[in-house]
Amino acid sequence: GRSSTQAQLSNREREVARLAAHGRSNQEIAEHLHISTRTVESHLLKAFRKLRISVRAELSAFSWL
């Protein structure tokens, strides 16, 4: 279920995914977290794989983000 999927995300993956789900751009997320946009992309890619989604819009289905 979703709770077990949530547990698979690292804290940073969850944080990046939450910000993306709330409409932040990769650049905004990077600036907010003081990381590179490439790192944001990497965290999102890993989160997408773990959540079994393919587009950013699908993040809103996960209320725990």
PDB file of N, CA and C in Angstrom:
ATOM      1  N   GLY A   1       0.816  -1.198   0.000  1.00  0.00           N
ATOM      2  CA  GLY A   1       0.000   0.000   0.000  1.00  0.00           C
ATOM      3  C   GLY A   1       0.849   1.247   0.000  1.00  0.00           C
ATOM      4  N   ARG A   2       0.181   2.349   0.113  1.00  0.00           N
ATOM      5  CA  ARG A   2       0.883   3.634   0.083  1.00  0.00           C
ATOM      6  C   ARG A   2       1.756   3.860   1.294  1.00  0.00           C
ATOM      7  N   SER A   3       1.339   3.385   2.472  1.00  0.00           N
ATOM      8  CA  SER A   3       2.152   3.600   3.660  1.00  0.00           C
ATOM      9  C   SER A   3       3.489   2.872   3.549  1.00  0.00           C
ATOM     10  N   SER A   4       3.501   1.670   2.971  1.00  0.00           N
ATOM     11  CA  SER A   4       4.771   0.969   2.795  1.00  0.00           C
ATOM     12  C   SER A   4       5.621   1.661   1.730  1.00  0.00           C
ATOM     13  N   THR A   5       4.968   2.227   0.719  1.00  0.00           N
ATOM     14  CA  THR A   5       5.695   2.977  -0.304  1.00  0.00           C
ATOM     15  C   THR A   5       6.310   4.229   0.306  1.00  0.00           C
ATOM     16  N   GLN A   6       5.551   4.890   1.163  1.00  0.00           N
ATOM     17  CA  GLN A   6       6.055   6.093   1.835  1.00  0.00           C
ATOM     18  C   GLN A   6       7.322   5.776   2.614  1.00  0.00           C
ATOM     19  N   ALA A   7       7.336   4.633   3.287  1.00  0.00           N
ATOM     20  CA  ALA A   7       8.491   4.257   4.092  1.00  0.00           C
ATOM     21  C   ALA A   7       9.721   4.011   3.234  1.00  0.00           C
ATOM     22  N   GLN A   8       9.534   3.690   1.958  1.00  0.00           N
ATOM     23  CA  GLN A   8      10.657   3.432   1.070  1.00  0.00           C
ATOM     24  C   GLN A   8      11.367   4.713   0.643  1.00  0.00           C
ATOM     25  N   LEU A   9      10.690   5.846   0.718  1.00  0.00           N
ATOM     26  CA  LEU A   9      11.313   7.102   0.309  1.00  0.00           C
ATOM     27  C   LEU A   9      12.244   7.598   1.406  1.00  0.00           C
ATOM     28  N   SER A  10      13.384   8.120   0.995  1.00  0.00           N
ATOM     29  CA  SER A  10      14.272   8.750   1.966  1.00  0.00           C
ATOM     30  C   SER A  10      13.624  10.061   2.413  1.00  0.00           C
ATOM     31  N   ASN A  11      14.105  10.609   3.498  1.00  0.00           N
ATOM     32  CA  ASN A  11      13.570  11.888   3.977  1.00  0.00           C
ATOM     33  C   ASN A  11      13.699  12.968   2.909  1.00  0.00           C
ATOM     34  N   ARG A  12      14.823  12.992   2.224  1.00  0.00           N
ATOM     35  CA  ARG A  12      15.063  14.022   1.210  1.00  0.00           C
ATOM     36  C   ARG A  12      14.168  13.804  -0.009  1.00  0.00           C
ATOM     37  N   GLU A  13      14.010  12.554  -0.428  1.00  0.00           N
ATOM     38  CA  GLU A  13      13.112  12.264  -1.550  1.00  0.00           C
ATOM     39  C   GLU A  13      11.695  12.715  -1.219  1.00  0.00           C
ATOM     40  N   ARG A  14      11.256  12.440   0.006  1.00  0.00           N
ATOM     41  CA  ARG A  14       9.916  12.836   0.438  1.00  0.00           C
ATOM     42  C   ARG A  14       9.783  14.358   0.455  1.00  0.00           C
ATOM     43  N   GLU A  15      10.813  15.041   0.935  1.00  0.00           N
ATOM     44  CA  GLU A  15      10.791  16.503   1.009  1.00  0.00           C
ATOM     45  C   GLU A  15      10.734  17.119  -0.389  1.00  0.00           C
ATOM     46  N   VAL A  16      11.552  16.620  -1.295  1.00  0.00           N
ATOM     47  CA  VAL A  16      11.567  17.128  -2.671  1.00  0.00           C
ATOM     48  C   VAL A  16      10.236  16.834  -3.357  1.00  0.00           C
ATOM     49  N   ALA A  17       9.716  15.627  -3.174  1.00  0.00           N
ATOM     50  CA  ALA A  17       8.439  15.257  -3.785  1.00  0.00           C
ATOM     51  C   ALA A  17       7.302  16.116  -3.248  1.00  0.00           C
ATOM     52  N   ARG A  18       7.326  16.402  -1.955  1.00  0.00           N
ATOM     53  CA  ARG A  18       6.286  17.243  -1.347  1.00  0.00           C
ATOM     54  C   ARG A  18       6.300  18.646  -1.946  1.00  0.00           C
ATOM     55  N   LEU A  19       7.491  19.209  -2.080  1.00  0.00           N
ATOM     56  CA  LEU A  19       7.601  20.554  -2.660  1.00  0.00           C
ATOM     57  C   LEU A  19       7.145  20.555  -4.117  1.00  0.00           C
ATOM     58  N   ALA A  20       7.503  19.512  -4.854  1.00  0.00           N
ATOM     59  CA  ALA A  20       7.072  19.398  -6.256  1.00  0.00           C
ATOM     60  C   ALA A  20       5.558  19.252  -6.336  1.00  0.00           C
ATOM     61  N   ALA A  21       4.987  18.471  -5.412  1.00  0.00           N
ATOM     62  CA  ALA A  21       3.532  18.264  -5.394  1.00  0.00           C
ATOM     63  C   ALA A  21       2.788  19.566  -5.115  1.00  0.00           C
ATOM     64  N   HIS A  22       3.443  20.463  -4.422  1.00  0.00           N
ATOM     65  CA  HIS A  22       2.837  21.763  -4.116  1.00  0.00           C
ATOM     66  C   HIS A  22       3.162  22.824  -5.161  1.00  0.00           C
ATOM     67  N   GLY A  23       3.654  22.380  -6.297  1.00  0.00           N
ATOM     68  CA  GLY A  23       3.822  23.291  -7.424  1.00  0.00           C
ATOM     69  C   GLY A  23       5.150  23.996  -7.547  1.00  0.00           C
ATOM     70  N   ARG A  24       6.101  23.661  -6.710  1.00  0.00           N
ATOM     71  CA  ARG A  24       7.419  24.297  -6.816  1.00  0.00           C
ATOM     72  C   ARG A  24       8.177  23.750  -8.021  1.00  0.00           C
ATOM     73  N   SER A  25       8.904  24.606  -8.708  1.00  0.00           N
ATOM     74  CA  SER A  25       9.744  24.176  -9.831  1.00  0.00           C
ATOM     75  C   SER A  25      11.021  23.549  -9.280  1.00  0.00           C
ATOM     76  N   ASN A  26      11.738  22.828 -10.128  1.00  0.00           N
ATOM     77  CA  ASN A  26      13.013  22.237  -9.708  1.00  0.00           C
ATOM     78  C   ASN A  26      13.967  23.312  -9.212  1.00  0.00           C
ATOM     79  N   GLN A  27      14.003  24.440  -9.898  1.00  0.00           N
ATOM     80  CA  GLN A  27      14.884  25.541  -9.500  1.00  0.00           C
ATOM     81  C   GLN A  27      14.489  26.076  -8.126  1.00  0.00           C
ATOM     82  N   GLU A  28      13.192  26.252  -7.894  1.00  0.00           N
ATOM     83  CA  GLU A  28      12.724  26.742  -6.593  1.00  0.00           C
ATOM     84  C   GLU A  28      13.048  25.753  -5.480  1.00  0.00           C
ATOM     85  N   ILE A  29      12.866  24.478  -5.761  1.00  0.00           N
ATOM     86  CA  ILE A  29      13.184  23.441  -4.770  1.00  0.00           C
ATOM     87  C   ILE A  29      14.678  23.470  -4.451  1.00  0.00           C
ATOM     88  N   ALA A  30      15.496  23.556  -5.489  1.00  0.00           N
ATOM     89  CA  ALA A  30      16.947  23.591  -5.304  1.00  0.00           C
ATOM     90  C   ALA A  30      17.363  24.771  -4.434  1.00  0.00           C
ATOM     91  N   GLU A  31      16.818  25.930  -4.712  1.00  0.00           N
ATOM     92  CA  GLU A  31      17.160  27.119  -3.931  1.00  0.00           C
ATOM     93  C   GLU A  31      16.681  26.986  -2.488  1.00  0.00           C
ATOM     94  N   HIS A  32      15.485  26.473  -2.311  1.00  0.00           N
ATOM     95  CA  HIS A  32      14.907  26.315  -0.974  1.00  0.00           C
ATOM     96  C   HIS A  32      15.723  25.348  -0.114  1.00  0.00           C
ATOM     97  N   LEU A  33      16.200  24.263  -0.728  1.00  0.00           N
ATOM     98  CA  LEU A  33      16.926  23.225   0.005  1.00  0.00           C
ATOM     99  C   LEU A  33      18.446  23.370  -0.080  1.00  0.00           C
ATOM    100  N   HIS A  34      18.902  24.380  -0.817  1.00  0.00           N
ATOM    101  CA  HIS A  34      20.344  24.627  -0.977  1.00  0.00           C
ATOM    102  C   HIS A  34      21.059  23.428  -1.588  1.00  0.00           C
ATOM    103  N   ILE A  35      20.452  22.908  -2.671  1.00  0.00           N
ATOM    104  CA  ILE A  35      21.041  21.811  -3.437  1.00  0.00           C
ATOM    105  C   ILE A  35      20.971  22.174  -4.916  1.00  0.00           C
ATOM    106  N   SER A  36      21.623  21.410  -5.772  1.00  0.00           N
ATOM    107  CA  SER A  36      21.607  21.706  -7.201  1.00  0.00           C
ATOM    108  C   SER A  36      20.308  21.209  -7.842  1.00  0.00           C
ATOM    109  N   THR A  37      19.975  21.775  -8.983  1.00  0.00           N
ATOM    110  CA  THR A  37      18.784  21.309  -9.696  1.00  0.00           C
ATOM    111  C   THR A  37      18.969  19.873 -10.150  1.00  0.00           C
ATOM    112  N   ARG A  38      20.181  19.490 -10.441  1.00  0.00           N
ATOM    113  CA  ARG A  38      20.460  18.095 -10.834  1.00  0.00           C
ATOM    114  C   ARG A  38      20.151  17.142  -9.681  1.00  0.00           C
ATOM    115  N   THR A  39      20.472  17.547  -8.471  1.00  0.00           N
ATOM    116  CA  THR A  39      20.164  16.730  -7.300  1.00  0.00           C
ATOM    117  C   THR A  39      18.655  16.629  -7.106  1.00  0.00           C
ATOM    118  N   VAL A  40      17.938  17.721  -7.330  1.00  0.00           N
ATOM    119  CA  VAL A  40      16.475  17.703  -7.264  1.00  0.00           C
ATOM    120  C   VAL A  40      15.941  16.694  -8.270  1.00  0.00           C
ATOM    121  N   GLU A  41      16.434  16.756  -9.494  1.00  0.00           N
ATOM    122  CA  GLU A  41      15.991  15.830 -10.539  1.00  0.00           C
ATOM    123  C   GLU A  41      16.256  14.379 -10.134  1.00  0.00           C
ATOM    124  N   SER A  42      17.400  14.129  -9.537  1.00  0.00           N
ATOM    125  CA  SER A  42      17.753  12.784  -9.097  1.00  0.00           C
ATOM    126  C   SER A  42      16.794  12.294  -8.009  1.00  0.00           C
ATOM    127  N   HIS A  43      16.516  13.125  -7.022  1.00  0.00           N
ATOM    128  CA  HIS A  43      15.590  12.756  -5.955  1.00  0.00           C
ATOM    129  C   HIS A  43      14.194  12.496  -6.508  1.00  0.00           C
ATOM    130  N   LEU A  44      13.744  13.336  -7.440  1.00  0.00           N
ATOM    131  CA  LEU A  44      12.418  13.142  -8.027  1.00  0.00           C
ATOM    132  C   LEU A  44      12.364  11.842  -8.831  1.00  0.00           C
ATOM    133  N   LEU A  45      13.399  11.574  -9.598  1.00  0.00           N
ATOM    134  CA  LEU A  45      13.432  10.344 -10.389  1.00  0.00           C
ATOM    135  C   LEU A  45      13.334   9.113  -9.486  1.00  0.00           C
ATOM    136  N   LYS A  46      14.099   9.113  -8.399  1.00  0.00           N
ATOM    137  CA  LYS A  46      14.061   7.998  -7.459  1.00  0.00           C
ATOM    138  C   LYS A  46      12.681   7.882  -6.813  1.00  0.00           C
ATOM    139  N   ALA A  47      12.101   9.007  -6.430  1.00  0.00           N
ATOM    140  CA  ALA A  47      10.771   8.992  -5.813  1.00  0.00           C
ATOM    141  C   ALA A  47       9.730   8.493  -6.804  1.00  0.00           C
ATOM    142  N   PHE A  48       9.797   8.945  -8.057  1.00  0.00           N
ATOM    143  CA  PHE A  48       8.845   8.506  -9.079  1.00  0.00           C
ATOM    144  C   PHE A  48       8.911   6.989  -9.247  1.00  0.00           C
ATOM    145  N   ARG A  49      10.123   6.440  -9.278  1.00  0.00           N
ATOM    146  CA  ARG A  49      10.279   4.989  -9.425  1.00  0.00           C
ATOM    147  C   ARG A  49       9.663   4.256  -8.245  1.00  0.00           C
ATOM    148  N   LYS A  50       9.961   4.734  -7.040  1.00  0.00           N
ATOM    149  CA  LYS A  50       9.451   4.078  -5.834  1.00  0.00           C
ATOM    150  C   LYS A  50       7.935   4.195  -5.713  1.00  0.00           C
ATOM    151  N   LEU A  51       7.385   5.318  -6.165  1.00  0.00           N
ATOM    152  CA  LEU A  51       5.935   5.532  -6.093  1.00  0.00           C
ATOM    153  C   LEU A  51       5.207   4.944  -7.294  1.00  0.00           C
ATOM    154  N   ARG A  52       5.993   4.470  -8.253  1.00  0.00           N
ATOM    155  CA  ARG A  52       5.461   3.900  -9.491  1.00  0.00           C
ATOM    156  C   ARG A  52       4.571   4.896 -10.238  1.00  0.00           C
ATOM    157  N   ILE A  53       5.103   6.107 -10.392  1.00  0.00           N
ATOM    158  CA  ILE A  53       4.422   7.137 -11.173  1.00  0.00           C
ATOM    159  C   ILE A  53       5.374   7.642 -12.241  1.00  0.00           C
ATOM    160  N   SER A  54       4.825   8.357 -13.214  1.00  0.00           N
ATOM    161  CA  SER A  54       5.689   8.816 -14.303  1.00  0.00           C
ATOM    162  C   SER A  54       5.635  10.326 -14.534  1.00  0.00           C
ATOM    163  N   VAL A  55       4.656  10.989 -13.953  1.00  0.00           N
ATOM    164  CA  VAL A  55       4.576  12.442 -14.149  1.00  0.00           C
ATOM    165  C   VAL A  55       4.347  13.154 -12.822  1.00  0.00           C
ATOM    166  N   ARG A  56       4.833  14.362 -12.763  1.00  0.00           N
ATOM    167  CA  ARG A  56       4.770  15.194 -11.564  1.00  0.00           C
ATOM    168  C   ARG A  56       3.344  15.381 -11.039  1.00  0.00           C
ATOM    169  N   ALA A  57       2.387  15.498 -11.946  1.00  0.00           N
ATOM    170  CA  ALA A  57       0.993  15.727 -11.544  1.00  0.00           C
ATOM    171  C   ALA A  57       0.455  14.596 -10.669  1.00  0.00           C
ATOM    172  N   GLU A  58       0.988  13.399 -10.831  1.00  0.00           N
ATOM    173  CA  GLU A  58       0.524  12.257 -10.051  1.00  0.00           C
ATOM    174  C   GLU A  58       0.923  12.343  -8.582  1.00  0.00           C
ATOM    175  N   LEU A  59       1.854  13.218  -8.238  1.00  0.00           N
ATOM    176  CA  LEU A  59       2.285  13.359  -6.847  1.00  0.00           C
ATOM    177  C   LEU A  59       1.131  13.806  -5.957  1.00  0.00           C
ATOM    178  N   SER A  60       0.192  14.559  -6.509  1.00  0.00           N
ATOM    179  CA  SER A  60      -0.908  15.072  -5.688  1.00  0.00           C
ATOM    180  C   SER A  60      -1.814  13.961  -5.155  1.00  0.00           C
ATOM    181  N   ALA A  61      -1.723  12.762  -5.714  1.00  0.00           N
ATOM    182  CA  ALA A  61      -2.518  11.622  -5.232  1.00  0.00           C
ATOM    183  C   ALA A  61      -2.022  11.113  -3.886  1.00  0.00           C
ATOM    184  N   PHE A  62      -0.836  11.513  -3.489  1.00  0.00           N
ATOM    185  CA  PHE A  62      -0.249  11.034  -2.246  1.00  0.00           C
ATOM    186  C   PHE A  62      -0.408  12.102  -1.163  1.00  0.00           C
ATOM    187  N   SER A  63      -1.447  11.957  -0.351  1.00  0.00           N
ATOM    188  CA  SER A  63      -1.801  12.982   0.640  1.00  0.00           C
ATOM    189  C   SER A  63      -0.742  13.161   1.721  1.00  0.00           C
ATOM    190  N   TRP A  64       0.135  12.177   1.910  1.00  0.00           N
ATOM    191  CA  TRP A  64       1.155  12.264   2.942  1.00  0.00           C
ATOM    192  C   TRP A  64       2.344  13.112   2.529  1.00  0.00           C
ATOM    193  N   LEU A  65       2.387  13.562   1.288  1.00  0.00           N
ATOM    194  CA  LEU A  65       3.524  14.379   0.833  1.00  0.00           C
ATOM    195  C   LEU A  65       3.438  15.783   1.373  1.00  0.00           C
TER     196      LEU A  65
END
